[in-house]
Amino acid sequence: MQAGTPTGLGLFRCAQADRPEKRGLTSYIWTAYLYDRRAFFHKERLRERKGARSEESVKVVLGYSGGLDTSVIVPWLRENYDAEVICMAGDVGQRGGLEGLEAKAIATGASVLFGEDLRKEFVEDYAWPTLKIGAVYGRKYLLGTAIARPLLAKAQCDVALKVGADALAHGCTGKGNDQVRFELAYAALAPDLKVIAPWREWDIRSREDALAYAKARKIPLEGVDETKLYSRDENLWHISHEGGPLEDPAFEPEEDMFKWTVSPERAPNKPEYVEIGFEAGIPVSVNGAVLGGVELLQLLNEVGSRHGIGRADVVENRLVGMKSRGVYETPGGTILHGAIKDLEAITIDRRIEGLKDQMAQRWADLVYEGRWWTPERQAIQAMSDVLSKSVTGTVKMKLYKGSATVASRRSPVSLYRHDLASFGESATYDQADAAGFIRLFGLPVRAQTAVERAAGDGDAMVSKLIDEVIEAGAL
């Protein structure tokens, strides 16, 4: 078929030409022509990138979730790039995992779906390092979505390189942070591949447009909630809620929006205690039972959810410059953050604690901005491993109606010494020694005061001299 012959959406629009009162016959045919020409040039650019103007289909690996956006992107790529669409889906702990995704992807036009269980890698290589450094973005966001993106992008790049793909595609919008996170990962891990971002190219501008596109092509949407209000992201670390009524910052989230946690008001009236064991800044046990990372986080999510732990309503500053609102449920992560911070209080000194706080902010910023695959992140992680070597011990947390507070903490390498901290007499600490310490510690203060006093005396002398000159009639 020659370029310029209406196909796909172009043919669909030509079929509407019997409605000249809306746009006119000529307008519809011209739109169809332009649409098909654009699709032709999309294909040619990819073929040129391959190094040959072959007629074989280009290969595009799409990061696939099975939701509305990626279900529509599969046929859109086939129409506009003449592409063989290969889907990649990763299980990072979302409900349902990878179940049913292969059949759904193939039904929408994909040639194959590669699915991979990434849960262990996600927890051990992404969530735990972020917990260890203590990173929090915007004072409240524990980075649940941001830490999953570099892993999913890595898995997508691995598949693309394995199958000899020409391009990578994602379903991120042009307003969000995820487009940056995915594309910076692509640039680091598969820099020679073209990137296709349909939301920055196509005419679809809303969820309603996407639904209309799917229905016009009879794209199966089993499992897609056509009436949903919120955009959600879920993994083992958290579940997020955005969009819909949450776009009004004055709107209080309704209780049926939350999917993991009960409201604190409906949580049990009796507190529950959990004891978490850490080794070098990594959680390894709950209530004495040694657990793998996935099992440990799942357990704390379950316990924390029934006590209403980990809800956070955050207005954050997006990379693209706008402010946005998200509501997050991070029950296990909230418990762990509280526990490790308290364990650090007895196992590291104040200078290391201050250094960790600085590095935590750097880590939070770079992860939020999609700069995971950079030397900066690697350097901070290496430093964190050193600074957290002594963060070993157990912390007992009290969970009650939305709060997670520390009940006790113990460590075999604790820097806390009762004989030093006690207000009573101590053979180790002589209180008389404090006088010499204070004198040396306060030396800069006394020096500054002396300078200011001398300057003040000098001003008084000058003022007195001027008065004397005036009285003498010299001025």
Protein backbone atom coordinates (compact mmCIF):
# COMPACT_ATOMS: atom_id res chain seq x y z
CA MET A 1 0.00 0.00 0.00
CA GLN A 2 1.36 3.39 -0.94
CA ALA A 3 1.93 6.10 1.60
CA GLY A 4 -0.99 8.47 1.55
CA THR A 5 -3.67 5.79 1.22
CA PRO A 6 -5.95 6.17 4.27
CA THR A 7 -5.42 3.35 6.76
CA GLY A 8 -6.09 2.84 10.46
CA LEU A 9 -7.37 6.00 12.10
CA GLY A 10 -7.25 7.76 8.73
CA LEU A 11 -9.76 5.27 7.30
CA PHE A 12 -11.90 5.65 10.42
CA ARG A 13 -12.01 9.41 9.94
CA CYS A 14 -12.85 9.03 6.24
CA ALA A 15 -15.79 6.90 7.29
CA GLN A 16 -17.16 9.94 9.09
CA ALA A 17 -17.27 11.92 5.84
CA ASP A 18 -21.04 11.43 5.68
CA ARG A 19 -21.24 14.15 8.36
CA PRO A 20 -20.24 17.22 6.33
CA GLU A 21 -22.21 19.43 8.70
CA LYS A 22 -19.55 18.80 11.35
CA ARG A 23 -16.30 19.31 9.47
CA GLY A 24 -16.87 18.88 5.78
CA LEU A 25 -15.92 16.05 3.45
CA THR A 26 -12.71 17.69 2.28
CA SER A 27 -11.58 18.30 5.84
CA TYR A 28 -12.01 14.65 6.80
CA ILE A 29 -10.15 13.34 3.77
CA TRP A 30 -7.33 15.83 4.29
CA THR A 31 -7.05 14.83 7.98
CA ALA A 32 -6.85 11.19 6.96
CA TYR A 33 -4.11 11.95 4.46
CA LEU A 34 -2.02 13.94 6.94
CA TYR A 35 -2.43 11.28 9.62
CA ASP A 36 -1.22 8.57 7.28
CA ARG A 37 1.75 10.67 6.14
CA ARG A 38 2.77 11.21 9.75
CA ALA A 39 2.62 7.48 10.38
CA PHE A 40 4.75 6.92 7.27
CA PHE A 41 7.48 9.28 8.50
CA HIS A 42 7.42 7.67 11.96
CA LYS A 43 8.22 4.34 10.31
CA GLU A 44 10.91 5.77 8.06
CA ARG A 45 12.75 7.43 10.95
CA LEU A 46 12.95 4.14 12.78
CA ARG A 47 14.07 2.28 9.67
CA GLU A 48 16.82 4.82 9.06
CA ARG A 49 17.96 4.32 12.64
CA LYS A 50 18.33 0.63 11.84
CA GLY A 51 20.72 1.59 9.06
CA ALA A 52 18.60 0.28 6.21
CA ARG A 53 15.32 1.28 4.61
CA SER A 54 14.02 -2.25 4.82
CA GLU A 55 10.36 -3.16 4.57
CA GLU A 56 10.50 -5.41 7.63
CA SER A 57 8.68 -4.25 10.73
CA VAL A 58 10.61 -2.37 13.35
CA LYS A 59 10.73 -3.89 16.83
CA VAL A 60 9.49 -1.83 19.73
CA VAL A 61 9.64 -3.00 23.35
CA LEU A 62 6.85 -1.45 25.40
CA GLY A 63 6.80 -1.18 29.17
CA TYR A 64 3.42 -2.82 29.73
CA SER A 65 1.04 -2.78 32.69
CA GLY A 66 -2.21 -3.99 31.15
CA GLY A 67 -4.00 -0.76 32.01
CA LEU A 68 -5.90 1.45 29.60
CA ASP A 69 -2.92 3.47 28.38
CA THR A 70 -0.63 0.59 27.47
CA SER A 71 -3.56 -1.41 26.05
CA VAL A 72 -4.15 1.45 23.61
CA ILE A 73 -0.46 2.03 22.91
CA VAL A 74 0.02 -1.48 21.48
CA PRO A 75 -2.29 -0.99 18.46
CA TRP A 76 -1.22 2.66 18.15
CA LEU A 77 2.40 1.57 17.67
CA ARG A 78 1.32 -0.97 15.07
CA GLU A 79 -0.67 1.66 13.17
CA ASN A 80 1.82 4.50 13.35
CA TYR A 81 5.17 2.72 13.25
CA ASP A 82 4.26 -0.50 11.45
CA ALA A 83 5.90 -2.04 14.50
CA GLU A 84 6.16 -5.47 15.96
CA VAL A 85 5.25 -4.69 19.57
CA ILE A 86 7.00 -6.72 22.25
CA CYS A 87 5.69 -6.14 25.75
CA MET A 88 7.68 -6.23 28.98
CA ALA A 89 5.92 -6.48 32.34
CA GLY A 90 7.58 -6.65 35.73
CA ASP A 91 6.09 -7.93 38.98
CA VAL A 92 7.20 -5.53 41.71
CA GLY A 93 4.46 -6.60 44.09
CA GLN A 94 1.35 -5.10 42.52
CA ARG A 95 -1.89 -6.96 43.17
CA GLY A 96 -2.46 -9.67 40.62
CA GLY A 97 1.20 -9.74 39.66
CA LEU A 98 1.57 -10.82 36.03
CA GLU A 99 -1.60 -12.92 35.92
CA GLY A 100 -3.50 -12.59 32.66
CA LEU A 101 -1.17 -9.98 31.18
CA GLU A 102 0.23 -12.16 28.40
CA ALA A 103 -3.19 -13.01 26.99
CA LYS A 104 -4.30 -9.39 27.26
CA ALA A 105 -1.18 -8.06 25.52
CA ILE A 106 -1.46 -10.52 22.64
CA ALA A 107 -5.19 -9.78 22.28
CA THR A 108 -4.38 -6.10 21.75
CA GLY A 109 -1.80 -6.88 19.06
CA ALA A 110 1.51 -7.59 20.80
CA SER A 111 3.61 -10.42 19.41
CA VAL A 112 4.82 -11.60 22.80
CA LEU A 113 5.01 -10.54 26.44
CA PHE A 114 8.09 -11.01 28.60
CA GLY A 115 7.12 -11.17 32.27
CA GLU A 116 9.61 -11.18 35.12
CA ASP A 117 9.28 -11.51 38.88
CA LEU A 118 11.28 -8.52 40.14
CA ARG A 119 10.05 -8.49 43.74
CA LYS A 120 13.21 -9.74 45.43
CA GLU A 121 15.44 -7.43 43.40
CA PHE A 122 13.10 -4.51 44.02
CA VAL A 123 13.17 -4.90 47.80
CA GLU A 124 16.83 -5.79 48.27
CA ASP A 125 18.46 -3.53 45.65
CA TYR A 126 16.12 -0.53 45.58
CA ALA A 127 13.89 -0.31 48.68
CA TRP A 128 16.50 -1.33 51.27
CA PRO A 129 19.23 1.08 50.09
CA THR A 130 16.68 3.91 50.14
CA LEU A 131 15.61 2.92 53.65
CA LYS A 132 19.21 2.58 54.84
CA ILE A 133 20.16 6.11 53.78
CA GLY A 134 16.87 7.44 55.22
CA ALA A 135 15.66 9.19 52.07
CA VAL A 136 12.36 11.08 52.18
CA TYR A 137 11.25 13.51 49.45
CA GLY A 138 9.29 16.62 50.35
CA ARG A 139 9.34 15.70 54.06
CA LYS A 140 6.69 12.97 53.66
CA TYR A 141 7.04 10.97 50.43
CA LEU A 142 8.92 7.68 50.89
CA LEU A 143 9.64 7.40 47.13
CA GLY A 144 7.62 4.26 46.42
CA THR A 145 7.02 4.95 42.73
CA ALA A 146 10.38 6.59 42.11
CA ILE A 147 12.44 3.61 43.30
CA ALA A 148 10.53 1.13 41.13
CA ARG A 149 11.01 2.97 37.83
CA PRO A 150 14.76 2.38 37.35
CA LEU A 151 14.27 -1.35 37.90
CA LEU A 152 11.36 -1.61 35.46
CA ALA A 153 13.30 0.42 32.90
CA LYS A 154 16.33 -1.85 33.36
CA ALA A 155 14.21 -4.96 32.77
CA GLN A 156 12.73 -3.34 29.66
CA CYS A 157 16.18 -2.49 28.30
CA ASP A 158 17.38 -6.04 28.98
CA VAL A 159 14.55 -7.42 26.84
CA ALA A 160 15.14 -4.84 24.10
CA LEU A 161 18.82 -5.73 23.83
CA LYS A 162 18.00 -9.44 23.94
CA VAL A 163 15.53 -9.33 21.03
CA GLY A 164 17.44 -6.76 18.98
CA ALA A 165 14.79 -4.05 19.26
CA ASP A 166 14.94 -0.73 17.46
CA ALA A 167 13.06 1.32 20.03
CA LEU A 168 11.72 1.52 23.56
CA ALA A 169 8.25 2.85 24.37
CA HIS A 170 6.52 3.87 27.58
CA GLY A 171 3.06 5.05 28.58
CA CYS A 172 4.07 8.05 30.71
CA THR A 173 2.32 11.36 30.18
CA GLY A 174 4.11 14.53 29.16
CA LYS A 175 3.26 16.20 32.46
CA GLY A 176 4.65 13.68 34.92
CA ASN A 177 7.93 12.63 36.48
CA ASP A 178 7.94 9.07 35.15
CA GLN A 179 8.77 10.07 31.56
CA VAL A 180 12.04 11.51 32.88
CA ARG A 181 12.78 8.50 35.08
CA PHE A 182 12.28 5.99 32.28
CA GLU A 183 14.11 7.97 29.62
CA LEU A 184 17.15 8.72 31.79
CA ALA A 185 17.38 5.00 32.48
CA TYR A 186 17.12 4.26 28.75
CA ALA A 187 19.89 6.79 28.09
CA ALA A 188 22.15 5.05 30.59
CA LEU A 189 21.37 1.42 29.74
CA ALA A 190 20.40 1.40 26.04
CA PRO A 191 21.53 4.73 24.57
CA ASP A 192 21.42 3.56 20.95
CA LEU A 193 17.70 2.80 20.95
CA LYS A 194 15.05 5.29 19.89
CA VAL A 195 12.50 6.34 22.51
CA ILE A 196 8.80 6.53 21.63
CA ALA A 197 6.53 8.42 24.02
CA PRO A 198 3.00 8.19 22.57
CA TRP A 199 1.53 10.71 25.02
CA ARG A 200 3.83 13.32 23.48
CA GLU A 201 2.90 12.37 19.91
CA TRP A 202 -0.67 11.23 19.54
CA ASP A 203 -3.98 13.11 19.44
CA ILE A 204 -5.35 11.38 22.54
CA ARG A 205 -5.61 13.96 25.31
CA SER A 206 -7.72 12.30 28.00
CA ARG A 207 -8.91 9.02 29.45
CA GLU A 208 -12.16 9.48 27.55
CA ASP A 209 -10.22 9.82 24.28
CA ALA A 210 -8.31 6.63 25.04
CA LEU A 211 -11.54 4.73 25.75
CA ALA A 212 -13.05 5.98 22.49
CA TYR A 213 -9.93 4.94 20.58
CA ALA A 214 -10.07 1.45 22.12
CA LYS A 215 -13.76 0.98 21.41
CA ALA A 216 -13.40 2.16 17.80
CA ARG A 217 -10.85 -0.62 17.26
CA LYS A 218 -12.58 -3.22 19.43
CA ILE A 219 -9.54 -3.41 21.70
CA PRO A 220 -10.35 -5.77 24.60
CA LEU A 221 -10.33 -3.92 27.91
CA GLU A 222 -11.04 -6.75 30.33
CA GLY A 223 -9.93 -5.74 33.80
CA VAL A 224 -9.85 -2.03 32.95
CA ASP A 225 -12.15 0.04 35.16
CA GLU A 226 -13.69 2.53 32.75
CA THR A 227 -15.23 4.54 35.58
CA LYS A 228 -12.23 4.84 37.89
CA LEU A 229 -11.53 8.24 39.38
CA TYR A 230 -7.91 7.81 40.41
CA SER A 231 -4.60 6.97 38.81
CA ARG A 232 -2.80 4.42 40.97
CA ASP A 233 0.64 2.88 41.18
CA GLU A 234 1.28 -0.14 43.37
CA ASN A 235 4.27 -2.19 44.44
CA LEU A 236 5.55 -3.89 47.57
CA TRP A 237 6.62 -0.57 49.09
CA HIS A 238 3.42 1.45 48.62
CA ILE A 239 0.27 2.26 46.72
CA SER A 240 -0.31 5.79 45.42
CA HIS A 241 -3.48 7.65 44.45
CA GLU A 242 -3.51 10.67 42.13
CA GLY A 243 -5.88 12.59 39.90
CA GLY A 244 -9.65 12.88 40.00
CA PRO A 245 -10.99 14.82 42.99
CA LEU A 246 -7.52 14.83 44.57
CA GLU A 247 -6.53 17.54 42.10
CA ASP A 248 -8.41 19.92 44.39
CA PRO A 249 -6.02 20.41 47.35
CA ALA A 250 -9.00 21.29 49.56
CA PHE A 251 -10.65 17.91 48.94
CA GLU A 252 -10.45 15.44 51.81
CA PRO A 253 -9.91 11.90 50.47
CA GLU A 254 -12.91 9.65 50.87
CA GLU A 255 -12.40 6.48 52.83
CA ASP A 256 -13.26 4.17 49.94
CA MET A 257 -10.26 5.54 48.00
CA PHE A 258 -7.79 3.76 50.29
CA LYS A 259 -6.95 0.21 49.25
CA TRP A 260 -4.49 -1.06 51.87
CA THR A 261 -4.98 0.67 55.18
CA VAL A 262 -8.00 0.97 57.45
CA SER A 263 -8.83 4.39 58.81
CA PRO A 264 -7.16 5.06 62.18
CA GLU A 265 -10.63 5.51 63.68
CA ARG A 266 -11.56 1.94 62.71
CA ALA A 267 -8.23 0.41 63.73
CA PRO A 268 -8.11 -1.94 66.75
CA ASN A 269 -8.54 -0.35 70.17
CA LYS A 270 -5.59 -2.35 71.49
CA PRO A 271 -2.00 -1.57 70.41
CA GLU A 272 0.18 -4.20 68.75
CA TYR A 273 3.94 -4.49 69.20
CA VAL A 274 6.39 -5.66 66.55
CA GLU A 275 10.12 -6.10 67.11
CA ILE A 276 12.29 -5.55 64.04
CA GLY A 277 15.87 -6.75 63.80
CA PHE A 278 18.48 -4.90 61.70
CA GLU A 279 21.96 -5.84 60.54
CA ALA A 280 24.12 -3.04 59.12
CA GLY A 281 21.05 -0.98 58.32
CA ILE A 282 19.07 -3.78 56.65
CA PRO A 283 15.91 -5.24 58.25
CA VAL A 284 16.31 -8.99 58.68
CA SER A 285 13.73 -10.20 61.20
CA VAL A 286 10.32 -9.55 62.72
CA ASN A 287 9.53 -10.76 66.23
CA GLY A 288 12.63 -12.94 66.19
CA ALA A 289 11.81 -14.72 62.92
CA VAL A 290 14.46 -14.23 60.23
CA LEU A 291 12.76 -13.38 56.93
CA GLY A 292 13.71 -12.57 53.36
CA GLY A 293 13.12 -9.04 52.18
CA VAL A 294 9.88 -9.74 50.30
CA GLU A 295 8.34 -11.74 53.15
CA LEU A 296 9.41 -9.20 55.77
CA LEU A 297 7.92 -6.26 53.89
CA GLN A 298 4.71 -8.14 53.13
CA LEU A 299 4.30 -8.97 56.83
CA LEU A 300 4.86 -5.38 57.97
CA ASN A 301 2.48 -4.10 55.29
CA GLU A 302 -0.19 -6.45 56.58
CA VAL A 303 0.34 -5.54 60.24
CA GLY A 304 0.66 -1.83 59.56
CA SER A 305 -2.41 -1.73 57.32
CA ARG A 306 -4.75 -3.08 59.96
CA HIS A 307 -3.60 -0.33 62.34
CA GLY A 308 -3.97 2.47 59.78
CA ILE A 309 -0.21 3.13 59.57
CA GLY A 310 1.47 4.99 56.72
CA ARG A 311 -1.06 7.32 55.14
CA ALA A 312 0.46 10.49 53.70
CA ASP A 313 -1.23 13.33 51.80
CA VAL A 314 1.53 15.11 49.89
CA VAL A 315 1.67 18.18 47.66
CA GLU A 316 4.95 17.72 45.82
CA ASN A 317 7.04 19.67 43.35
CA ARG A 318 7.22 17.79 40.06
CA LEU A 319 10.29 17.84 37.88
CA VAL A 320 8.49 19.67 35.10
CA GLY A 321 7.82 22.60 37.42
CA MET A 322 4.22 22.19 38.53
CA LYS A 323 2.90 21.17 41.91
CA SER A 324 0.85 17.99 42.16
CA ARG A 325 -0.93 16.10 44.89
CA GLY A 326 -0.66 12.44 45.76
CA VAL A 327 -1.99 10.35 48.60
CA TYR A 328 0.20 7.42 49.58
CA GLU A 329 -0.19 4.30 51.70
CA THR A 330 3.18 2.99 52.89
CA PRO A 331 2.50 0.95 56.04
CA GLY A 332 5.58 -1.28 56.17
CA GLY A 333 7.91 1.46 54.99
CA THR A 334 6.63 3.89 57.61
CA ILE A 335 7.23 1.37 60.41
CA LEU A 336 10.73 0.63 59.11
CA HIS A 337 11.68 4.30 58.76
CA GLY A 338 10.67 5.00 62.34
CA ALA A 339 12.55 1.97 63.61
CA ILE A 340 15.84 2.52 61.79
CA LYS A 341 15.98 6.20 62.71
CA ASP A 342 15.70 5.31 66.36
CA LEU A 343 18.29 2.55 66.09
CA GLU A 344 20.70 5.02 64.49
CA ALA A 345 20.26 7.29 67.50
CA ILE A 346 22.08 4.77 69.70
CA THR A 347 24.54 3.32 67.18
CA ILE A 348 26.08 6.29 65.31
CA ASP A 349 27.49 9.58 66.58
CA ARG A 350 26.08 13.00 65.80
CA ARG A 351 28.56 13.86 63.05
CA ILE A 352 27.82 10.69 61.11
CA GLU A 353 24.13 11.26 61.74
CA GLY A 354 24.43 14.75 60.25
CA LEU A 355 26.35 13.42 57.26
CA LYS A 356 23.70 10.76 56.68
CA ASP A 357 20.98 13.40 56.78
CA GLN A 358 22.77 15.37 54.06
CA MET A 359 23.24 12.29 51.91
CA ALA A 360 19.62 11.26 52.48
CA GLN A 361 18.43 14.51 50.92
CA ARG A 362 20.78 14.09 47.97
CA TRP A 363 19.54 10.52 47.48
CA ALA A 364 15.88 11.57 47.69
CA ASP A 365 16.38 14.28 45.08
CA LEU A 366 18.33 12.17 42.61
CA VAL A 367 15.94 9.21 42.85
CA TYR A 368 12.90 11.46 42.47
CA GLU A 369 14.55 13.04 39.42
CA GLY A 370 15.29 9.69 37.77
CA ARG A 371 19.06 9.80 38.23
CA TRP A 372 19.40 6.30 39.66
CA TRP A 373 21.83 5.08 37.00
CA THR A 374 24.48 7.68 37.78
CA PRO A 375 27.87 7.70 39.56
CA GLU A 376 26.36 10.07 42.14
CA ARG A 377 23.87 7.46 43.30
CA GLN A 378 26.55 4.77 43.36
CA ALA A 379 28.85 6.99 45.43
CA ILE A 380 26.15 7.84 47.96
CA GLN A 381 25.19 4.18 48.27
CA ALA A 382 28.82 3.21 48.90
CA MET A 383 29.07 5.90 51.58
CA SER A 384 25.78 4.76 53.11
CA ASP A 385 27.08 1.20 53.39
CA VAL A 386 30.08 2.45 55.37
CA LEU A 387 28.09 4.82 57.59
CA SER A 388 25.52 2.13 58.41
CA LYS A 389 27.92 -0.67 59.36
CA SER A 390 27.11 -0.27 63.04
CA VAL A 391 23.33 0.11 62.63
CA THR A 392 22.65 -3.31 64.10
CA GLY A 393 20.14 -4.21 66.78
CA THR A 394 16.42 -4.52 67.47
CA VAL A 395 13.67 -1.94 67.81
CA LYS A 396 10.23 -2.61 69.25
CA MET A 397 7.50 -0.52 67.61
CA LYS A 398 4.07 0.19 69.10
CA LEU A 399 1.31 0.37 66.49
CA TYR A 400 -1.90 2.08 67.49
CA LYS A 401 -4.57 3.89 65.48
CA GLY A 402 -2.38 5.33 62.76
CA SER A 403 0.78 5.90 64.79
CA ALA A 404 3.99 3.88 64.92
CA THR A 405 6.06 4.86 67.94
CA VAL A 406 9.22 3.40 69.43
CA ALA A 407 8.74 1.38 72.60
CA SER A 408 12.31 0.13 73.08
CA ARG A 409 15.63 -0.31 71.33
CA ARG A 410 18.71 -2.49 71.90
CA SER A 411 22.05 -2.91 70.15
CA PRO A 412 25.21 -4.92 70.85
CA VAL A 413 27.21 -1.94 69.55
CA SER A 414 25.22 0.81 71.24
CA LEU A 415 27.07 4.07 71.93
CA TYR A 416 24.60 4.84 74.68
CA ARG A 417 26.16 4.26 78.13
CA HIS A 418 24.02 4.44 81.21
CA ASP A 419 26.98 5.30 83.45
CA LEU A 420 27.73 8.36 81.30
CA ALA A 421 24.16 9.52 80.73
CA SER A 422 22.96 9.09 84.32
CA PHE A 423 22.40 12.21 86.44
CA GLY A 424 23.98 10.34 89.33
CA GLU A 425 27.66 10.13 90.23
CA SER A 426 29.92 8.34 87.76
CA ALA A 427 33.44 7.02 88.08
CA THR A 428 33.91 7.56 84.34
CA TYR A 429 32.75 11.15 84.01
CA ASP A 430 34.04 13.93 86.28
CA GLN A 431 31.61 16.86 86.10
CA ALA A 432 34.40 19.27 87.05
CA ASP A 433 35.96 18.59 83.63
CA ALA A 434 33.03 20.40 82.02
CA ALA A 435 34.41 23.82 83.02
CA GLY A 436 37.52 23.47 80.85
CA PHE A 437 35.48 22.10 77.96
CA ILE A 438 33.01 25.00 78.10
CA ARG A 439 35.85 27.55 78.20
CA LEU A 440 37.46 26.10 75.06
CA PHE A 441 34.14 25.45 73.32
CA GLY A 442 33.02 29.02 74.00
CA LEU A 443 36.27 30.65 72.85
CA PRO A 444 34.79 31.89 69.51
CA VAL A 445 31.85 33.47 71.35
CA ARG A 446 34.11 35.33 73.78
CA ALA A 447 36.41 36.48 70.97
CA GLN A 448 33.49 37.86 68.96
CA THR A 449 32.12 39.66 72.01
CA ALA A 450 35.50 41.26 72.69
CA VAL A 451 35.74 42.58 69.12
CA GLU A 452 32.22 44.01 69.22
CA ARG A 453 32.90 45.67 72.56
CA ALA A 454 36.11 47.27 71.28
CA ALA A 455 34.29 48.55 68.22
CA GLY A 456 31.60 50.00 70.43
CA ASP A 457 34.18 51.80 72.59
CA GLY A 458 35.81 53.19 69.44
CA ASP A 459 32.50 54.59 68.21
CA ALA A 460 31.95 56.30 71.54
CA MET A 461 35.40 57.93 71.40
CA VAL A 462 34.78 59.25 67.87
CA SER A 463 31.39 60.63 68.87
CA LYS A 464 32.92 62.40 71.88
CA LEU A 465 35.66 63.94 69.73
CA ILE A 466 33.11 65.30 67.22
CA ASP A 467 31.12 66.87 70.03
CA GLU A 468 34.24 68.57 71.38
CA VAL A 469 35.12 69.95 67.93
CA ILE A 470 31.61 71.33 67.47
CA GLU A 471 31.71 73.01 70.86
CA ALA A 472 35.03 74.62 69.95
CA GLY A 473 33.42 76.16 66.87
CA ALA A 474 35.67 74.37 64.39
CA LEU A 475 32.66 72.99 62.49
